[in-house]
Amino acid sequence: MHDTKKLPKWAQQMLADKNDQIDRLEREKERMEKAHDVLIGREWFTIPNPINGDGPEYRSLFVLTTNHAQPVCSIGKGDILLVGRKKNKQ
């Protein structure tokens, strides 16, 4: 490739910024592909954050069984819980 060290500092900074932007977009693309892989062939829905106004920063969500409550995750202000269900073949 070309030696970017011979470019003016402003051009080097612009290239560095663009390379950072490309890296961020590639990571975002990978996250989207992983989410797609999880949700393909599933019905899904979201549960918005149950915390309104003042309150704890996070709340734990539990699954109840006949013997005890099992914590499964926590949800905080601004979070959305995504639930995917296996599609029933009819």
PDB file of N, CA and C in Angstrom:
ATOM      1  N   MET A   1       0.826  -1.183   0.000  1.00  0.00           N
ATOM      2  CA  MET A   1       0.000   0.000   0.000  1.00  0.00           C
ATOM      3  C   MET A   1       0.869   1.245   0.000  1.00  0.00           C
ATOM      4  N   HIS A   2       0.215   2.362   0.154  1.00  0.00           N
ATOM      5  CA  HIS A   2       0.912   3.638   0.158  1.00  0.00           C
ATOM      6  C   HIS A   2       1.372   3.999   1.568  1.00  0.00           C
ATOM      7  N   ASP A   3       2.435   4.766   1.641  1.00  0.00           N
ATOM      8  CA  ASP A   3       2.954   5.210   2.933  1.00  0.00           C
ATOM      9  C   ASP A   3       2.172   6.449   3.368  1.00  0.00           C
ATOM     10  N   THR A   4       1.255   6.275   4.285  1.00  0.00           N
ATOM     11  CA  THR A   4       0.421   7.401   4.717  1.00  0.00           C
ATOM     12  C   THR A   4       1.193   8.367   5.620  1.00  0.00           C
ATOM     13  N   LYS A   5       2.364   7.976   6.081  1.00  0.00           N
ATOM     14  CA  LYS A   5       3.160   8.865   6.934  1.00  0.00           C
ATOM     15  C   LYS A   5       3.705  10.062   6.172  1.00  0.00           C
ATOM     16  N   LYS A   6       3.663   9.979   4.843  1.00  0.00           N
ATOM     17  CA  LYS A   6       4.135  11.091   4.024  1.00  0.00           C
ATOM     18  C   LYS A   6       3.033  12.134   3.800  1.00  0.00           C
ATOM     19  N   LEU A   7       1.810  11.793   4.194  1.00  0.00           N
ATOM     20  CA  LEU A   7       0.694  12.717   4.033  1.00  0.00           C
ATOM     21  C   LEU A   7       0.717  13.769   5.134  1.00  0.00           C
ATOM     22  N   PRO A   8       0.048  14.915   4.902  1.00  0.00           N
ATOM     23  CA  PRO A   8      -0.062  15.908   5.977  1.00  0.00           C
ATOM     24  C   PRO A   8      -0.785  15.307   7.179  1.00  0.00           C
ATOM     25  N   LYS A   9      -0.516  15.860   8.375  1.00  0.00           N
ATOM     26  CA  LYS A   9      -1.098  15.337   9.611  1.00  0.00           C
ATOM     27  C   LYS A   9      -2.626  15.317   9.547  1.00  0.00           C
ATOM     28  N   TRP A  10      -3.246  16.357   8.959  1.00  0.00           N
ATOM     29  CA  TRP A  10      -4.706  16.396   8.891  1.00  0.00           C
ATOM     30  C   TRP A  10      -5.234  15.240   8.051  1.00  0.00           C
ATOM     31  N   ALA A  11      -4.515  14.879   6.982  1.00  0.00           N
ATOM     32  CA  ALA A  11      -4.945  13.775   6.123  1.00  0.00           C
ATOM     33  C   ALA A  11      -4.747  12.436   6.844  1.00  0.00           C
ATOM     34  N   GLN A  12      -3.647  12.319   7.588  1.00  0.00           N
ATOM     35  CA  GLN A  12      -3.418  11.107   8.374  1.00  0.00           C
ATOM     36  C   GLN A  12      -4.526  10.922   9.403  1.00  0.00           C
ATOM     37  N   GLN A  13      -4.918  12.031  10.065  1.00  0.00           N
ATOM     38  CA  GLN A  13      -5.981  11.962  11.062  1.00  0.00           C
ATOM     39  C   GLN A  13      -7.310  11.590  10.409  1.00  0.00           C
ATOM     40  N   MET A  14      -7.577  12.143   9.229  1.00  0.00           N
ATOM     41  CA  MET A  14      -8.816  11.828   8.524  1.00  0.00           C
ATOM     42  C   MET A  14      -8.863  10.341   8.168  1.00  0.00           C
ATOM     43  N   LEU A  15      -7.749   9.800   7.695  1.00  0.00           N
ATOM     44  CA  LEU A  15      -7.693   8.370   7.378  1.00  0.00           C
ATOM     45  C   LEU A  15      -7.858   7.514   8.630  1.00  0.00           C
ATOM     46  N   ALA A  16      -7.246   7.920   9.717  1.00  0.00           N
ATOM     47  CA  ALA A  16      -7.378   7.181  10.973  1.00  0.00           C
ATOM     48  C   ALA A  16      -8.832   7.192  11.441  1.00  0.00           C
ATOM     49  N   ASP A  17      -9.490   8.354  11.335  1.00  0.00           N
ATOM     50  CA  ASP A  17     -10.903   8.451  11.724  1.00  0.00           C
ATOM     51  C   ASP A  17     -11.765   7.548  10.846  1.00  0.00           C
ATOM     52  N   LYS A  18     -11.502   7.523   9.552  1.00  0.00           N
ATOM     53  CA  LYS A  18     -12.278   6.674   8.641  1.00  0.00           C
ATOM     54  C   LYS A  18     -12.031   5.201   8.930  1.00  0.00           C
ATOM     55  N   ASN A  19     -10.799   4.843   9.250  1.00  0.00           N
ATOM     56  CA  ASN A  19     -10.504   3.444   9.598  1.00  0.00           C
ATOM     57  C   ASN A  19     -11.216   3.043  10.889  1.00  0.00           C
ATOM     58  N   ASP A  20     -11.283   3.957  11.870  1.00  0.00           N
ATOM     59  CA  ASP A  20     -12.031   3.687  13.106  1.00  0.00           C
ATOM     60  C   ASP A  20     -13.512   3.496  12.803  1.00  0.00           C
ATOM     61  N   GLN A  21     -14.044   4.341  11.915  1.00  0.00           N
ATOM     62  CA  GLN A  21     -15.450   4.233  11.538  1.00  0.00           C
ATOM     63  C   GLN A  21     -15.726   2.902  10.838  1.00  0.00           C
ATOM     64  N   ILE A  22     -14.831   2.478   9.969  1.00  0.00           N
ATOM     65  CA  ILE A  22     -14.975   1.189   9.280  1.00  0.00           C
ATOM     66  C   ILE A  22     -14.967   0.052  10.292  1.00  0.00           C
ATOM     67  N   ASP A  23     -14.057   0.102  11.274  1.00  0.00           N
ATOM     68  CA  ASP A  23     -13.995  -0.927  12.317  1.00  0.00           C
ATOM     69  C   ASP A  23     -15.289  -0.987  13.117  1.00  0.00           C
ATOM     70  N   ARG A  24     -15.835   0.191  13.500  1.00  0.00           N
ATOM     71  CA  ARG A  24     -17.094   0.221  14.257  1.00  0.00           C
ATOM     72  C   ARG A  24     -18.231  -0.368  13.431  1.00  0.00           C
ATOM     73  N   LEU A  25     -18.292  -0.025  12.150  1.00  0.00           N
ATOM     74  CA  LEU A  25     -19.357  -0.539  11.287  1.00  0.00           C
ATOM     75  C   LEU A  25     -19.228  -2.050  11.082  1.00  0.00           C
ATOM     76  N   GLU A  26     -18.004  -2.545  10.980  1.00  0.00           N
ATOM     77  CA  GLU A  26     -17.811  -3.995  10.841  1.00  0.00           C
ATOM     78  C   GLU A  26     -18.252  -4.727  12.106  1.00  0.00           C
ATOM     79  N   ARG A  27     -17.956  -4.165  13.285  1.00  0.00           N
ATOM     80  CA  ARG A  27     -18.413  -4.779  14.536  1.00  0.00           C
ATOM     81  C   ARG A  27     -19.934  -4.748  14.629  1.00  0.00           C
ATOM     82  N   GLU A  28     -20.544  -3.640  14.214  1.00  0.00           N
ATOM     83  CA  GLU A  28     -22.004  -3.541  14.232  1.00  0.00           C
ATOM     84  C   GLU A  28     -22.619  -4.556  13.271  1.00  0.00           C
ATOM     85  N   LYS A  29     -22.026  -4.732  12.111  1.00  0.00           N
ATOM     86  CA  LYS A  29     -22.509  -5.717  11.134  1.00  0.00           C
ATOM     87  C   LYS A  29     -22.432  -7.126  11.721  1.00  0.00           C
ATOM     88  N   GLU A  30     -21.338  -7.444  12.401  1.00  0.00           N
ATOM     89  CA  GLU A  30     -21.195  -8.759  13.025  1.00  0.00           C
ATOM     90  C   GLU A  30     -22.268  -8.984  14.089  1.00  0.00           C
ATOM     91  N   ARG A  31     -22.557  -7.948  14.904  1.00  0.00           N
ATOM     92  CA  ARG A  31     -23.612  -8.071  15.922  1.00  0.00           C
ATOM     93  C   ARG A  31     -24.970  -8.305  15.268  1.00  0.00           C
ATOM     94  N   MET A  32     -25.242  -7.588  14.187  1.00  0.00           N
ATOM     95  CA  MET A  32     -26.520  -7.762  13.485  1.00  0.00           C
ATOM     96  C   MET A  32     -26.629  -9.167  12.881  1.00  0.00           C
ATOM     97  N   GLU A  33     -25.532  -9.669  12.326  1.00  0.00           N
ATOM     98  CA  GLU A  33     -25.549 -11.019  11.760  1.00  0.00           C
ATOM     99  C   GLU A  33     -25.785 -12.065  12.847  1.00  0.00           C
ATOM    100  N   LYS A  34     -25.176 -11.882  14.022  1.00  0.00           N
ATOM    101  CA  LYS A  34     -25.390 -12.813  15.129  1.00  0.00           C
ATOM    102  C   LYS A  34     -26.839 -12.774  15.594  1.00  0.00           C
ATOM    103  N   ALA A  35     -27.415 -11.583  15.700  1.00  0.00           N
ATOM    104  CA  ALA A  35     -28.817 -11.463  16.102  1.00  0.00           C
ATOM    105  C   ALA A  35     -29.717 -12.120  15.067  1.00  0.00           C
ATOM    106  N   HIS A  36     -29.414 -11.930  13.807  1.00  0.00           N
ATOM    107  CA  HIS A  36     -30.214 -12.550  12.742  1.00  0.00           C
ATOM    108  C   HIS A  36     -30.145 -14.068  12.835  1.00  0.00           C
ATOM    109  N   ASP A  37     -28.946 -14.600  13.078  1.00  0.00           N
ATOM    110  CA  ASP A  37     -28.781 -16.052  13.199  1.00  0.00           C
ATOM    111  C   ASP A  37     -29.607 -16.614  14.358  1.00  0.00           C
ATOM    112  N   VAL A  38     -29.685 -15.862  15.463  1.00  0.00           N
ATOM    113  CA  VAL A  38     -30.450 -16.323  16.612  1.00  0.00           C
ATOM    114  C   VAL A  38     -31.949 -16.274  16.321  1.00  0.00           C
ATOM    115  N   LEU A  39     -32.395 -15.239  15.622  1.00  0.00           N
ATOM    116  CA  LEU A  39     -33.830 -15.018  15.451  1.00  0.00           C
ATOM    117  C   LEU A  39     -34.426 -15.674  14.211  1.00  0.00           C
ATOM    118  N   ILE A  40     -33.599 -16.113  13.281  1.00  0.00           N
ATOM    119  CA  ILE A  40     -34.147 -16.723  12.071  1.00  0.00           C
ATOM    120  C   ILE A  40     -34.917 -17.981  12.454  1.00  0.00           C
ATOM    121  N   GLY A  41     -36.088 -18.133  11.918  1.00  0.00           N
ATOM    122  CA  GLY A  41     -36.904 -19.300  12.219  1.00  0.00           C
ATOM    123  C   GLY A  41     -37.587 -19.224  13.570  1.00  0.00           C
ATOM    124  N   ARG A  42     -37.624 -18.047  14.161  1.00  0.00           N
ATOM    125  CA  ARG A  42     -38.262 -17.871  15.457  1.00  0.00           C
ATOM    126  C   ARG A  42     -39.269 -16.731  15.377  1.00  0.00           C
ATOM    127  N   GLU A  43     -40.267 -16.833  16.209  1.00  0.00           N
ATOM    128  CA  GLU A  43     -41.133 -15.695  16.445  1.00  0.00           C
ATOM    129  C   GLU A  43     -40.500 -14.935  17.598  1.00  0.00           C
ATOM    130  N   TRP A  44     -40.541 -13.625  17.564  1.00  0.00           N
ATOM    131  CA  TRP A  44     -39.903 -12.877  18.630  1.00  0.00           C
ATOM    132  C   TRP A  44     -40.723 -11.643  18.981  1.00  0.00           C
ATOM    133  N   PHE A  45     -40.484 -11.158  20.191  1.00  0.00           N
ATOM    134  CA  PHE A  45     -41.114  -9.934  20.668  1.00  0.00           C
ATOM    135  C   PHE A  45     -40.186  -9.280  21.670  1.00  0.00           C
ATOM    136  N   THR A  46     -40.466  -8.033  21.978  1.00  0.00           N
ATOM    137  CA  THR A  46     -39.642  -7.307  22.938  1.00  0.00           C
ATOM    138  C   THR A  46     -40.474  -6.937  24.159  1.00  0.00           C
ATOM    139  N   ILE A  47     -39.792  -6.816  25.269  1.00  0.00           N
ATOM    140  CA  ILE A  47     -40.401  -6.341  26.507  1.00  0.00           C
ATOM    141  C   ILE A  47     -39.648  -5.069  26.876  1.00  0.00           C
ATOM    142  N   PRO A  48     -40.348  -3.936  26.895  1.00  0.00           N
ATOM    143  CA  PRO A  48     -39.647  -2.698  27.251  1.00  0.00           C
ATOM    144  C   PRO A  48     -39.274  -2.681  28.720  1.00  0.00           C
ATOM    145  N   ASN A  49     -38.390  -1.794  29.054  1.00  0.00           N
ATOM    146  CA  ASN A  49     -37.903  -1.647  30.406  1.00  0.00           C
ATOM    147  C   ASN A  49     -39.059  -1.366  31.366  1.00  0.00           C
ATOM    148  N   PRO A  50     -39.168  -2.148  32.455  1.00  0.00           N
ATOM    149  CA  PRO A  50     -40.262  -1.932  33.408  1.00  0.00           C
ATOM    150  C   PRO A  50     -39.979  -0.828  34.415  1.00  0.00           C
ATOM    151  N   ILE A  51     -38.811  -0.217  34.365  1.00  0.00           N
ATOM    152  CA  ILE A  51     -38.434   0.795  35.354  1.00  0.00           C
ATOM    153  C   ILE A  51     -38.866   2.167  34.848  1.00  0.00           C
ATOM    154  N   ASN A  52     -39.745   2.805  35.595  1.00  0.00           N
ATOM    155  CA  ASN A  52     -40.207   4.145  35.249  1.00  0.00           C
ATOM    156  C   ASN A  52     -39.801   5.115  36.340  1.00  0.00           C
ATOM    157  N   GLY A  53     -39.379   6.303  35.926  1.00  0.00           N
ATOM    158  CA  GLY A  53     -39.058   7.346  36.905  1.00  0.00           C
ATOM    159  C   GLY A  53     -37.923   6.948  37.819  1.00  0.00           C
ATOM    160  N   ASP A  54     -38.036   7.371  39.057  1.00  0.00           N
ATOM    161  CA  ASP A  54     -36.999   7.054  40.043  1.00  0.00           C
ATOM    162  C   ASP A  54     -37.161   5.619  40.508  1.00  0.00           C
ATOM    163  N   GLY A  55     -36.080   4.976  40.737  1.00  0.00           N
ATOM    164  CA  GLY A  55     -36.103   3.598  41.213  1.00  0.00           C
ATOM    165  C   GLY A  55     -34.720   3.012  41.102  1.00  0.00           C
ATOM    166  N   PRO A  56     -34.624   1.719  41.285  1.00  0.00           N
ATOM    167  CA  PRO A  56     -33.302   1.087  41.213  1.00  0.00           C
ATOM    168  C   PRO A  56     -32.739   1.190  39.793  1.00  0.00           C
ATOM    169  N   GLU A  57     -31.422   1.172  39.715  1.00  0.00           N
ATOM    170  CA  GLU A  57     -30.767   1.254  38.408  1.00  0.00           C
ATOM    171  C   GLU A  57     -31.052   0.000  37.586  1.00  0.00           C
ATOM    172  N   TYR A  58     -31.073  -1.151  38.245  1.00  0.00           N
ATOM    173  CA  TYR A  58     -31.352  -2.429  37.582  1.00  0.00           C
ATOM    174  C   TYR A  58     -32.357  -3.223  38.409  1.00  0.00           C
ATOM    175  N   ARG A  59     -33.103  -4.043  37.710  1.00  0.00           N
ATOM    176  CA  ARG A  59     -33.980  -5.007  38.370  1.00  0.00           C
ATOM    177  C   ARG A  59     -33.663  -6.381  37.820  1.00  0.00           C
ATOM    178  N   SER A  60     -33.722  -7.363  38.685  1.00  0.00           N
ATOM    179  CA  SER A  60     -33.494  -8.743  38.259  1.00  0.00           C
ATOM    180  C   SER A  60     -34.809  -9.346  37.802  1.00  0.00           C
ATOM    181  N   LEU A  61     -34.754 -10.143  36.747  1.00  0.00           N
ATOM    182  CA  LEU A  61     -35.914 -10.881  36.272  1.00  0.00           C
ATOM    183  C   LEU A  61     -35.709 -12.344  36.628  1.00  0.00           C
ATOM    184  N   PHE A  62     -36.781 -13.000  37.035  1.00  0.00           N
ATOM    185  CA  PHE A  62     -36.709 -14.352  37.548  1.00  0.00           C
ATOM    186  C   PHE A  62     -37.639 -15.285  36.777  1.00  0.00           C
ATOM    187  N   VAL A  63     -37.304 -16.558  36.790  1.00  0.00           N
ATOM    188  CA  VAL A  63     -38.189 -17.626  36.344  1.00  0.00           C
ATOM    189  C   VAL A  63     -38.628 -18.354  37.602  1.00  0.00           C
ATOM    190  N   LEU A  64     -39.926 -18.545  37.746  1.00  0.00           N
ATOM    191  CA  LEU A  64     -40.445 -19.221  38.930  1.00  0.00           C
ATOM    192  C   LEU A  64     -40.660 -20.695  38.624  1.00  0.00           C
ATOM    193  N   THR A  65     -40.138 -21.534  39.508  1.00  0.00           N
ATOM    194  CA  THR A  65     -40.379 -22.973  39.413  1.00  0.00           C
ATOM    195  C   THR A  65     -41.203 -23.381  40.628  1.00  0.00           C
ATOM    196  N   THR A  66     -41.515 -24.638  40.728  1.00  0.00           N
ATOM    197  CA  THR A  66     -42.303 -25.086  41.881  1.00  0.00           C
ATOM    198  C   THR A  66     -41.526 -24.970  43.182  1.00  0.00           C
ATOM    199  N   ASN A  67     -40.193 -24.991  43.114  1.00  0.00           N
ATOM    200  CA  ASN A  67     -39.381 -24.986  44.332  1.00  0.00           C
ATOM    201  C   ASN A  67     -38.709 -23.656  44.655  1.00  0.00           C
ATOM    202  N   HIS A  68     -38.424 -22.871  43.649  1.00  0.00           N
ATOM    203  CA  HIS A  68     -37.691 -21.636  43.919  1.00  0.00           C
ATOM    204  C   HIS A  68     -37.785 -20.673  42.738  1.00  0.00           C
ATOM    205  N   ALA A  69     -37.232 -19.483  42.963  1.00  0.00           N
ATOM    206  CA  ALA A  69     -37.119 -18.481  41.904  1.00  0.00           C
ATOM    207  C   ALA A  69     -35.677 -18.468  41.411  1.00  0.00           C
ATOM    208  N   GLN A  70     -35.501 -18.525  40.103  1.00  0.00           N
ATOM    209  CA  GLN A  70     -34.167 -18.553  39.499  1.00  0.00           C
ATOM    210  C   GLN A  70     -33.948 -17.248  38.731  1.00  0.00           C
ATOM    211  N   PRO A  71     -32.959 -16.421  39.128  1.00  0.00           N
ATOM    212  CA  PRO A  71     -32.708 -15.199  38.357  1.00  0.00           C
ATOM    213  C   PRO A  71     -32.170 -15.561  36.971  1.00  0.00           C
ATOM    214  N   VAL A  72     -32.662 -14.867  35.948  1.00  0.00           N
ATOM    215  CA  VAL A  72     -32.214 -15.165  34.577  1.00  0.00           C
ATOM    216  C   VAL A  72     -31.482 -13.996  33.947  1.00  0.00           C
ATOM    217  N   CYS A  73     -31.807 -12.774  34.352  1.00  0.00           N
ATOM    218  CA  CYS A  73     -31.096 -11.615  33.814  1.00  0.00           C
ATOM    219  C   CYS A  73     -31.467 -10.386  34.624  1.00  0.00           C
ATOM    220  N   SER A  74     -30.817  -9.291  34.321  1.00  0.00           N
ATOM    221  CA  SER A  74     -31.209  -8.017  34.917  1.00  0.00           C
ATOM    222  C   SER A  74     -31.529  -7.059  33.779  1.00  0.00           C
ATOM    223  N   ILE A  75     -32.360  -6.087  34.065  1.00  0.00           N
ATOM    224  CA  ILE A  75     -32.739  -5.093  33.062  1.00  0.00           C
ATOM    225  C   ILE A  75     -32.670  -3.730  33.723  1.00  0.00           C
ATOM    226  N   GLY A  76     -32.118  -2.772  33.018  1.00  0.00           N
ATOM    227  CA  GLY A  76     -31.938  -1.438  33.569  1.00  0.00           C
ATOM    228  C   GLY A  76     -32.612  -0.385  32.725  1.00  0.00           C
ATOM    229  N   LYS A  77     -32.494   0.831  33.161  1.00  0.00           N
ATOM    230  CA  LYS A  77     -33.100   1.955  32.452  1.00  0.00           C
ATOM    231  C   LYS A  77     -32.563   1.994  31.016  1.00  0.00           C
ATOM    232  N   GLY A  78     -33.477   2.093  30.067  1.00  0.00           N
ATOM    233  CA  GLY A  78     -33.092   2.156  28.663  1.00  0.00           C
ATOM    234  C   GLY A  78     -32.926   0.802  28.003  1.00  0.00           C
ATOM    235  N   ASP A  79     -32.983  -0.295  28.761  1.00  0.00           N
ATOM    236  CA  ASP A  79     -32.822  -1.641  28.204  1.00  0.00           C
ATOM    237  C   ASP A  79     -34.138  -2.141  27.610  1.00  0.00           C
ATOM    238  N   ILE A  80     -34.026  -3.051  26.668  1.00  0.00           N
ATOM    239  CA  ILE A  80     -35.171  -3.754  26.093  1.00  0.00           C
ATOM    240  C   ILE A  80     -34.812  -5.233  26.076  1.00  0.00           C
ATOM    241  N   LEU A  81     -35.706  -6.063  26.548  1.00  0.00           N
ATOM    242  CA  LEU A  81     -35.498  -7.505  26.555  1.00  0.00           C
ATOM    243  C   LEU A  81     -36.096  -8.089  25.281  1.00  0.00           C
ATOM    244  N   LEU A  82     -35.315  -8.834  24.541  1.00  0.00           N
ATOM    245  CA  LEU A  82     -35.760  -9.476  23.306  1.00  0.00           C
ATOM    246  C   LEU A  82     -35.986 -10.952  23.599  1.00  0.00           C
ATOM    247  N   VAL A  83     -37.182 -11.454  23.268  1.00  0.00           N
ATOM    248  CA  VAL A  83     -37.530 -12.848  23.523  1.00  0.00           C
ATOM    249  C   VAL A  83     -37.809 -13.515  22.184  1.00  0.00           C
ATOM    250  N   GLY A  84     -37.105 -14.595  21.912  1.00  0.00           N
ATOM    251  CA  GLY A  84     -37.337 -15.375  20.693  1.00  0.00           C
ATOM    252  C   GLY A  84     -37.938 -16.728  21.049  1.00  0.00           C
ATOM    253  N   ARG A  85     -38.991 -17.090  20.340  1.00  0.00           N
ATOM    254  CA  ARG A  85     -39.643 -18.377  20.594  1.00  0.00           C
ATOM    255  C   ARG A  85     -39.559 -19.230  19.352  1.00  0.00           C
ATOM    256  N   LYS A  86     -39.356 -20.501  19.566  1.00  0.00           N
ATOM    257  CA  LYS A  86     -39.346 -21.445  18.461  1.00  0.00           C
ATOM    258  C   LYS A  86     -40.702 -21.437  17.787  1.00  0.00           C
ATOM    259  N   LYS A  87     -40.697 -21.394  16.471  1.00  0.00           N
ATOM    260  CA  LYS A  87     -41.965 -21.407  15.729  1.00  0.00           C
ATOM    261  C   LYS A  87     -42.573 -22.794  15.805  1.00  0.00           C
ATOM    262  N   ASN A  88     -43.858 -22.827  16.033  1.00  0.00           N
ATOM    263  CA  ASN A  88     -44.588 -24.097  16.030  1.00  0.00           C
ATOM    264  C   ASN A  88     -44.907 -24.466  14.594  1.00  0.00           C
ATOM    265  N   LYS A  89     -44.523 -25.651  14.201  1.00  0.00           N
ATOM    266  CA  LYS A  89     -44.817 -26.119  12.843  1.00  0.00           C
ATOM    267  C   LYS A  89     -46.226 -26.683  12.841  1.00  0.00           C
ATOM    268  N   GLN A  90     -47.058 -26.117  11.985  1.00  0.00           N
ATOM    269  CA  GLN A  90     -48.447 -26.576  11.932  1.00  0.00           C
ATOM    270  C   GLN A  90     -48.763 -27.247  10.632  1.00  0.00           C
TER     271      GLN A  90
END
